[in-house]
N, C-alpha and C. Protein backbone atom coordinates (compact mmCIF):
# COMPACT_ATOMS: atom_id res chain seq x y z
N MET A 1 -78.10 -180.64 66.16
CA MET A 1 -77.48 -180.50 64.85
C MET A 1 -78.55 -180.59 63.80
N SER A 2 -78.68 -179.59 63.02
CA SER A 2 -79.68 -179.57 61.96
C SER A 2 -79.18 -180.32 60.75
N LEU A 3 -80.01 -181.20 60.24
CA LEU A 3 -79.66 -181.91 59.01
C LEU A 3 -79.67 -180.96 57.83
N GLU A 4 -80.28 -179.79 57.99
CA GLU A 4 -80.28 -178.80 56.92
C GLU A 4 -78.85 -178.41 56.56
N LYS A 5 -77.95 -178.49 57.51
CA LYS A 5 -76.57 -178.09 57.28
C LYS A 5 -75.73 -179.22 56.68
N LEU A 6 -76.34 -180.39 56.54
CA LEU A 6 -75.63 -181.52 55.94
C LEU A 6 -75.97 -181.58 54.46
N THR A 7 -75.23 -180.86 53.69
CA THR A 7 -75.40 -180.93 52.24
C THR A 7 -74.03 -181.03 51.61
N TYR A 8 -73.99 -181.75 50.56
CA TYR A 8 -72.73 -181.93 49.84
C TYR A 8 -72.90 -181.25 48.49
N LYS A 9 -72.06 -180.27 48.24
CA LYS A 9 -72.17 -179.51 47.00
C LYS A 9 -70.83 -179.44 46.29
N GLY A 10 -70.01 -180.43 46.49
CA GLY A 10 -68.71 -180.41 45.83
C GLY A 10 -67.92 -179.17 46.21
N ASP A 11 -67.37 -178.49 45.21
CA ASP A 11 -66.53 -177.32 45.47
C ASP A 11 -67.30 -176.15 46.06
N ASP A 12 -68.63 -176.13 45.91
CA ASP A 12 -69.43 -175.02 46.41
C ASP A 12 -69.93 -175.23 47.83
N GLY A 13 -69.69 -176.40 48.41
CA GLY A 13 -70.25 -176.69 49.72
C GLY A 13 -69.20 -177.12 50.71
N LEU A 14 -69.59 -178.02 51.60
CA LEU A 14 -68.71 -178.48 52.66
C LEU A 14 -67.61 -179.38 52.13
N ALA A 15 -66.45 -179.22 52.69
CA ALA A 15 -65.37 -180.16 52.41
C ALA A 15 -65.75 -181.50 53.03
N PRO A 16 -65.29 -182.61 52.46
CA PRO A 16 -65.67 -183.92 53.00
C PRO A 16 -65.41 -184.07 54.50
N GLN A 17 -64.30 -183.56 55.00
CA GLN A 17 -64.01 -183.70 56.43
C GLN A 17 -64.99 -182.88 57.27
N ASP A 18 -65.45 -181.73 56.75
CA ASP A 18 -66.45 -180.94 57.49
C ASP A 18 -67.80 -181.64 57.47
N LEU A 19 -68.15 -182.20 56.33
CA LEU A 19 -69.39 -182.97 56.21
C LEU A 19 -69.35 -184.16 57.16
N GLN A 20 -68.22 -184.84 57.21
CA GLN A 20 -68.05 -185.98 58.09
C GLN A 20 -68.21 -185.57 59.56
N SER A 21 -67.62 -184.45 59.93
CA SER A 21 -67.72 -183.95 61.30
C SER A 21 -69.16 -183.60 61.66
N ARG A 22 -69.85 -182.93 60.76
CA ARG A 22 -71.25 -182.57 61.04
C ARG A 22 -72.13 -183.81 61.10
N ALA A 23 -71.86 -184.78 60.24
CA ALA A 23 -72.62 -186.03 60.28
C ALA A 23 -72.39 -186.75 61.61
N GLN A 24 -71.16 -186.71 62.13
CA GLN A 24 -70.87 -187.35 63.41
C GLN A 24 -71.64 -186.67 64.53
N THR A 25 -71.70 -185.34 64.52
CA THR A 25 -72.47 -184.62 65.53
C THR A 25 -73.94 -184.98 65.44
N ALA A 26 -74.47 -185.04 64.22
CA ALA A 26 -75.87 -185.42 64.03
C ALA A 26 -76.10 -186.86 64.50
N LEU A 27 -75.14 -187.75 64.23
CA LEU A 27 -75.27 -189.14 64.67
C LEU A 27 -75.29 -189.23 66.19
N ASP A 28 -74.44 -188.48 66.85
CA ASP A 28 -74.43 -188.48 68.31
C ASP A 28 -75.80 -188.09 68.85
N ASN A 29 -76.42 -187.09 68.24
CA ASN A 29 -77.76 -186.66 68.66
C ASN A 29 -78.81 -187.71 68.31
N ALA A 30 -78.71 -188.28 67.11
CA ALA A 30 -79.69 -189.28 66.67
C ALA A 30 -79.66 -190.52 67.56
N ASN A 31 -78.50 -190.85 68.08
CA ASN A 31 -78.40 -192.03 68.95
C ASN A 31 -79.10 -191.83 70.29
N ASP A 32 -79.41 -190.59 70.64
CA ASP A 32 -80.15 -190.30 71.86
C ASP A 32 -81.66 -190.44 71.66
N GLU A 33 -82.11 -190.38 70.42
CA GLU A 33 -83.56 -190.39 70.17
C GLU A 33 -84.26 -191.66 70.66
N PRO A 34 -83.68 -192.85 70.50
CA PRO A 34 -84.36 -194.03 71.05
C PRO A 34 -84.56 -193.97 72.56
N ILE A 35 -83.65 -193.31 73.26
CA ILE A 35 -83.79 -193.15 74.71
C ILE A 35 -84.99 -192.26 75.01
N GLN A 36 -85.10 -191.16 74.28
CA GLN A 36 -86.24 -190.27 74.46
C GLN A 36 -87.54 -190.98 74.11
N LEU A 37 -87.52 -191.78 73.03
CA LEU A 37 -88.70 -192.54 72.63
C LEU A 37 -89.09 -193.52 73.73
N GLU A 38 -88.12 -194.19 74.31
CA GLU A 38 -88.40 -195.15 75.37
C GLU A 38 -89.07 -194.48 76.56
N ILE A 39 -88.62 -193.30 76.90
CA ILE A 39 -89.22 -192.57 78.02
C ILE A 39 -90.67 -192.24 77.73
N LEU A 40 -90.93 -191.66 76.55
CA LEU A 40 -92.30 -191.27 76.22
C LEU A 40 -93.21 -192.47 75.97
N SER A 41 -92.70 -193.47 75.27
CA SER A 41 -93.55 -194.62 74.97
C SER A 41 -93.78 -195.49 76.20
N GLY A 42 -92.95 -195.31 77.22
CA GLY A 42 -93.11 -196.07 78.45
C GLY A 42 -94.18 -195.53 79.38
N LEU A 43 -94.75 -194.40 79.02
CA LEU A 43 -95.84 -193.87 79.83
C LEU A 43 -97.06 -194.77 79.67
N GLY A 44 -97.52 -195.33 80.74
CA GLY A 44 -98.71 -196.17 80.66
C GLY A 44 -99.94 -195.32 80.36
N GLY A 45 -100.80 -195.83 79.49
CA GLY A 45 -102.05 -195.13 79.21
C GLY A 45 -102.02 -194.17 78.04
N LEU A 46 -101.00 -194.25 77.18
CA LEU A 46 -101.01 -193.41 75.98
C LEU A 46 -102.24 -193.75 75.15
N ASP A 47 -102.81 -192.75 74.50
CA ASP A 47 -103.94 -193.03 73.62
C ASP A 47 -103.45 -193.75 72.37
N ASN A 48 -104.39 -194.20 71.54
CA ASN A 48 -104.04 -195.01 70.37
C ASN A 48 -103.07 -194.29 69.44
N SER A 49 -103.27 -192.98 69.23
CA SER A 49 -102.37 -192.26 68.33
C SER A 49 -100.95 -192.22 68.89
N GLY A 50 -100.82 -192.13 70.20
CA GLY A 50 -99.50 -192.15 70.83
C GLY A 50 -98.83 -193.51 70.71
N VAL A 51 -99.61 -194.57 70.90
CA VAL A 51 -99.06 -195.93 70.78
C VAL A 51 -98.61 -196.19 69.35
N VAL A 52 -99.46 -195.84 68.39
CA VAL A 52 -99.12 -196.05 66.97
C VAL A 52 -97.88 -195.23 66.60
N ALA A 53 -97.82 -193.99 67.07
CA ALA A 53 -96.67 -193.14 66.78
C ALA A 53 -95.39 -193.73 67.37
N ALA A 54 -95.45 -194.21 68.60
CA ALA A 54 -94.27 -194.80 69.24
C ALA A 54 -93.81 -196.05 68.49
N GLN A 55 -94.76 -196.86 68.04
CA GLN A 55 -94.39 -198.06 67.29
C GLN A 55 -93.73 -197.69 65.96
N LEU A 56 -94.30 -196.71 65.26
CA LEU A 56 -93.71 -196.29 63.99
C LEU A 56 -92.31 -195.73 64.20
N LEU A 57 -92.15 -194.89 65.21
CA LEU A 57 -90.83 -194.32 65.48
C LEU A 57 -89.81 -195.41 65.79
N GLY A 58 -90.21 -196.41 66.54
CA GLY A 58 -89.31 -197.52 66.84
C GLY A 58 -88.87 -198.25 65.58
N GLN A 59 -89.75 -198.31 64.60
CA GLN A 59 -89.43 -198.99 63.34
C GLN A 59 -88.52 -198.15 62.45
N VAL A 60 -88.74 -196.85 62.40
CA VAL A 60 -88.02 -196.02 61.42
C VAL A 60 -86.77 -195.33 61.98
N PHE A 61 -86.65 -195.20 63.29
CA PHE A 61 -85.50 -194.51 63.86
C PHE A 61 -84.16 -195.05 63.37
N PRO A 62 -83.97 -196.36 63.23
CA PRO A 62 -82.66 -196.86 62.80
C PRO A 62 -82.19 -196.33 61.44
N THR A 63 -83.11 -195.89 60.60
CA THR A 63 -82.74 -195.40 59.28
C THR A 63 -81.79 -194.21 59.36
N VAL A 64 -82.08 -193.28 60.24
CA VAL A 64 -81.27 -192.05 60.30
C VAL A 64 -79.83 -192.35 60.74
N PRO A 65 -79.60 -193.06 61.85
CA PRO A 65 -78.21 -193.37 62.20
C PRO A 65 -77.48 -194.18 61.13
N GLU A 66 -78.18 -195.12 60.50
CA GLU A 66 -77.55 -195.90 59.43
C GLU A 66 -77.08 -195.00 58.30
N GLN A 67 -77.93 -194.07 57.90
CA GLN A 67 -77.58 -193.19 56.79
C GLN A 67 -76.51 -192.17 57.19
N LEU A 68 -76.56 -191.69 58.41
CA LEU A 68 -75.50 -190.80 58.88
C LEU A 68 -74.16 -191.53 58.90
N GLN A 69 -74.17 -192.79 59.29
CA GLN A 69 -72.94 -193.57 59.28
C GLN A 69 -72.41 -193.72 57.86
N ASN A 70 -73.31 -193.87 56.88
CA ASN A 70 -72.89 -193.94 55.48
C ASN A 70 -72.16 -192.66 55.06
N ILE A 71 -72.68 -191.51 55.52
CA ILE A 71 -72.02 -190.23 55.21
C ILE A 71 -70.65 -190.17 55.89
N ILE A 72 -70.59 -190.60 57.14
CA ILE A 72 -69.33 -190.59 57.88
C ILE A 72 -68.30 -191.49 57.19
N ASN A 73 -68.74 -192.63 56.71
CA ASN A 73 -67.84 -193.58 56.07
C ASN A 73 -67.36 -193.13 54.69
N SER A 74 -68.19 -192.35 53.98
CA SER A 74 -67.86 -191.96 52.60
C SER A 74 -68.21 -190.50 52.34
N PRO A 75 -67.63 -189.57 53.09
CA PRO A 75 -68.03 -188.17 52.94
C PRO A 75 -67.63 -187.55 51.61
N ASP A 76 -66.72 -188.19 50.90
CA ASP A 76 -66.27 -187.64 49.62
C ASP A 76 -66.96 -188.31 48.43
N ASP A 77 -67.91 -189.20 48.69
CA ASP A 77 -68.65 -189.89 47.62
C ASP A 77 -70.00 -189.19 47.45
N PHE A 78 -70.10 -188.37 46.42
CA PHE A 78 -71.29 -187.56 46.18
C PHE A 78 -72.55 -188.42 46.15
N ASN A 79 -72.53 -189.53 45.44
CA ASN A 79 -73.73 -190.37 45.31
C ASN A 79 -74.15 -190.97 46.65
N THR A 80 -73.19 -191.41 47.44
CA THR A 80 -73.50 -191.95 48.76
C THR A 80 -74.12 -190.88 49.65
N VAL A 81 -73.52 -189.71 49.65
CA VAL A 81 -74.02 -188.61 50.49
C VAL A 81 -75.43 -188.22 50.06
N GLN A 82 -75.65 -188.05 48.77
CA GLN A 82 -76.97 -187.64 48.29
C GLN A 82 -78.02 -188.71 48.58
N SER A 83 -77.67 -189.97 48.39
CA SER A 83 -78.60 -191.07 48.68
C SER A 83 -78.94 -191.10 50.17
N ALA A 84 -77.93 -190.92 51.02
CA ALA A 84 -78.16 -190.92 52.46
C ALA A 84 -79.05 -189.76 52.88
N LEU A 85 -78.77 -188.57 52.35
CA LEU A 85 -79.59 -187.41 52.70
C LEU A 85 -81.02 -187.58 52.22
N SER A 86 -81.20 -188.15 51.05
CA SER A 86 -82.54 -188.40 50.53
C SER A 86 -83.30 -189.38 51.43
N SER A 87 -82.64 -190.44 51.85
CA SER A 87 -83.27 -191.42 52.75
C SER A 87 -83.63 -190.78 54.09
N ILE A 88 -82.70 -190.00 54.63
CA ILE A 88 -82.96 -189.33 55.91
C ILE A 88 -84.16 -188.40 55.78
N ASN A 89 -84.17 -187.58 54.75
CA ASN A 89 -85.27 -186.63 54.59
C ASN A 89 -86.60 -187.33 54.37
N ASN A 90 -86.60 -188.42 53.60
CA ASN A 90 -87.86 -189.14 53.38
C ASN A 90 -88.43 -189.67 54.68
N VAL A 91 -87.62 -190.35 55.47
CA VAL A 91 -88.14 -190.92 56.71
C VAL A 91 -88.45 -189.83 57.73
N ARG A 92 -87.62 -188.82 57.77
CA ARG A 92 -87.84 -187.73 58.73
C ARG A 92 -89.11 -186.97 58.40
N CYS A 93 -89.28 -186.61 57.14
CA CYS A 93 -90.41 -185.76 56.74
C CYS A 93 -91.73 -186.52 56.72
N LYS A 94 -91.69 -187.75 56.25
CA LYS A 94 -92.93 -188.51 56.07
C LYS A 94 -93.35 -189.29 57.31
N ASP A 95 -92.40 -189.70 58.12
CA ASP A 95 -92.71 -190.56 59.27
C ASP A 95 -92.38 -189.93 60.62
N VAL A 96 -91.12 -189.52 60.79
CA VAL A 96 -90.66 -189.10 62.11
C VAL A 96 -91.38 -187.85 62.61
N LEU A 97 -91.39 -186.79 61.83
CA LEU A 97 -91.97 -185.54 62.32
C LEU A 97 -93.46 -185.66 62.63
N PRO A 98 -94.28 -186.27 61.75
CA PRO A 98 -95.69 -186.43 62.12
C PRO A 98 -95.88 -187.34 63.35
N ALA A 99 -95.09 -188.42 63.44
CA ALA A 99 -95.24 -189.33 64.57
C ALA A 99 -94.78 -188.67 65.88
N VAL A 100 -93.71 -187.90 65.82
CA VAL A 100 -93.24 -187.20 67.02
C VAL A 100 -94.32 -186.23 67.50
N THR A 101 -94.93 -185.53 66.57
CA THR A 101 -96.01 -184.60 66.93
C THR A 101 -97.14 -185.35 67.64
N ASP A 102 -97.54 -186.51 67.11
CA ASP A 102 -98.60 -187.30 67.74
C ASP A 102 -98.19 -187.83 69.10
N LEU A 103 -96.95 -188.29 69.22
CA LEU A 103 -96.48 -188.84 70.49
C LEU A 103 -96.39 -187.74 71.55
N TRP A 104 -95.87 -186.58 71.17
CA TRP A 104 -95.80 -185.47 72.13
C TRP A 104 -97.20 -185.10 72.62
N ALA A 105 -98.15 -185.02 71.70
CA ALA A 105 -99.52 -184.65 72.07
C ALA A 105 -100.13 -185.70 73.01
N ALA A 106 -99.91 -186.98 72.71
CA ALA A 106 -100.46 -188.04 73.55
C ALA A 106 -99.83 -188.01 74.94
N ALA A 107 -98.53 -187.82 75.01
CA ALA A 107 -97.85 -187.76 76.31
C ALA A 107 -98.30 -186.54 77.11
N ALA A 108 -98.46 -185.42 76.43
CA ALA A 108 -98.92 -184.21 77.12
C ALA A 108 -100.33 -184.40 77.65
N SER A 109 -101.20 -184.98 76.84
CA SER A 109 -102.58 -185.21 77.26
C SER A 109 -102.63 -186.13 78.47
N LEU A 110 -101.83 -187.17 78.44
CA LEU A 110 -101.79 -188.13 79.54
C LEU A 110 -101.34 -187.47 80.84
N SER A 111 -100.40 -186.55 80.73
CA SER A 111 -99.86 -185.92 81.94
C SER A 111 -100.62 -184.66 82.35
N GLY A 112 -101.60 -184.25 81.53
CA GLY A 112 -102.37 -183.05 81.84
C GLY A 112 -101.69 -181.77 81.44
N ALA A 113 -100.63 -181.87 80.67
CA ALA A 113 -99.90 -180.69 80.20
C ALA A 113 -100.57 -180.14 78.93
N PRO A 114 -100.32 -178.88 78.62
CA PRO A 114 -100.86 -178.34 77.37
C PRO A 114 -100.27 -179.07 76.16
N THR A 115 -101.03 -179.12 75.10
CA THR A 115 -100.54 -179.75 73.88
C THR A 115 -99.36 -178.95 73.34
N PRO A 116 -98.24 -179.61 73.11
CA PRO A 116 -97.07 -178.89 72.58
C PRO A 116 -97.28 -178.57 71.11
N PRO A 117 -96.51 -177.63 70.60
CA PRO A 117 -96.61 -177.34 69.16
C PRO A 117 -96.13 -178.53 68.35
N ALA A 118 -96.56 -178.57 67.12
CA ALA A 118 -96.12 -179.63 66.20
C ALA A 118 -94.61 -179.52 65.99
N ALA A 119 -94.02 -180.64 65.63
CA ALA A 119 -92.59 -180.65 65.31
C ALA A 119 -92.32 -179.71 64.14
N ASN A 120 -91.22 -178.99 64.22
CA ASN A 120 -90.84 -178.08 63.14
C ASN A 120 -90.57 -178.87 61.87
N VAL A 121 -91.12 -178.40 60.77
CA VAL A 121 -90.91 -179.04 59.47
C VAL A 121 -89.90 -178.20 58.71
N PRO A 122 -88.71 -178.75 58.45
CA PRO A 122 -87.67 -177.98 57.76
C PRO A 122 -87.98 -177.80 56.28
N GLN A 123 -87.30 -176.86 55.70
CA GLN A 123 -87.49 -176.56 54.29
C GLN A 123 -87.23 -177.78 53.41
N SER A 124 -86.33 -178.64 53.82
CA SER A 124 -86.01 -179.82 53.01
C SER A 124 -87.18 -180.78 52.88
N CYS A 125 -88.21 -180.61 53.70
CA CYS A 125 -89.39 -181.47 53.62
C CYS A 125 -90.40 -180.97 52.58
N GLN A 126 -90.23 -179.76 52.12
CA GLN A 126 -91.17 -179.22 51.14
C GLN A 126 -91.12 -180.07 49.87
N GLY A 127 -92.27 -180.49 49.41
CA GLY A 127 -92.35 -181.26 48.19
C GLY A 127 -92.19 -182.76 48.37
N LEU A 128 -91.98 -183.22 49.59
CA LEU A 128 -91.86 -184.67 49.82
C LEU A 128 -93.20 -185.24 50.18
């Protein structure tokens, strides 16, 4: 579920129940991320950048589910939705995507696999 599709634009955008439904789908996916992090960070012998990335991800991951839950709880409150989306984008763009890129590279290097491409940076990250 792309967070790009989670926007609240009043009469021009998603109805609150649609926003709530999309936020729930995103939350279901976000709740799987700590499991994926545990798998990758559990690889013995990660280089320093991989260890640092895993630690940062462990610290910031809770922000996204918390903010998605805020949207689910108050999908018709414009200020709550905008604040939640802003928080999600800040942590995602500034912390999660760069750290995921580093962790993927460290895990690939450890396993002898080719370096994967960097995490996709969505348009909502431009200017952050």
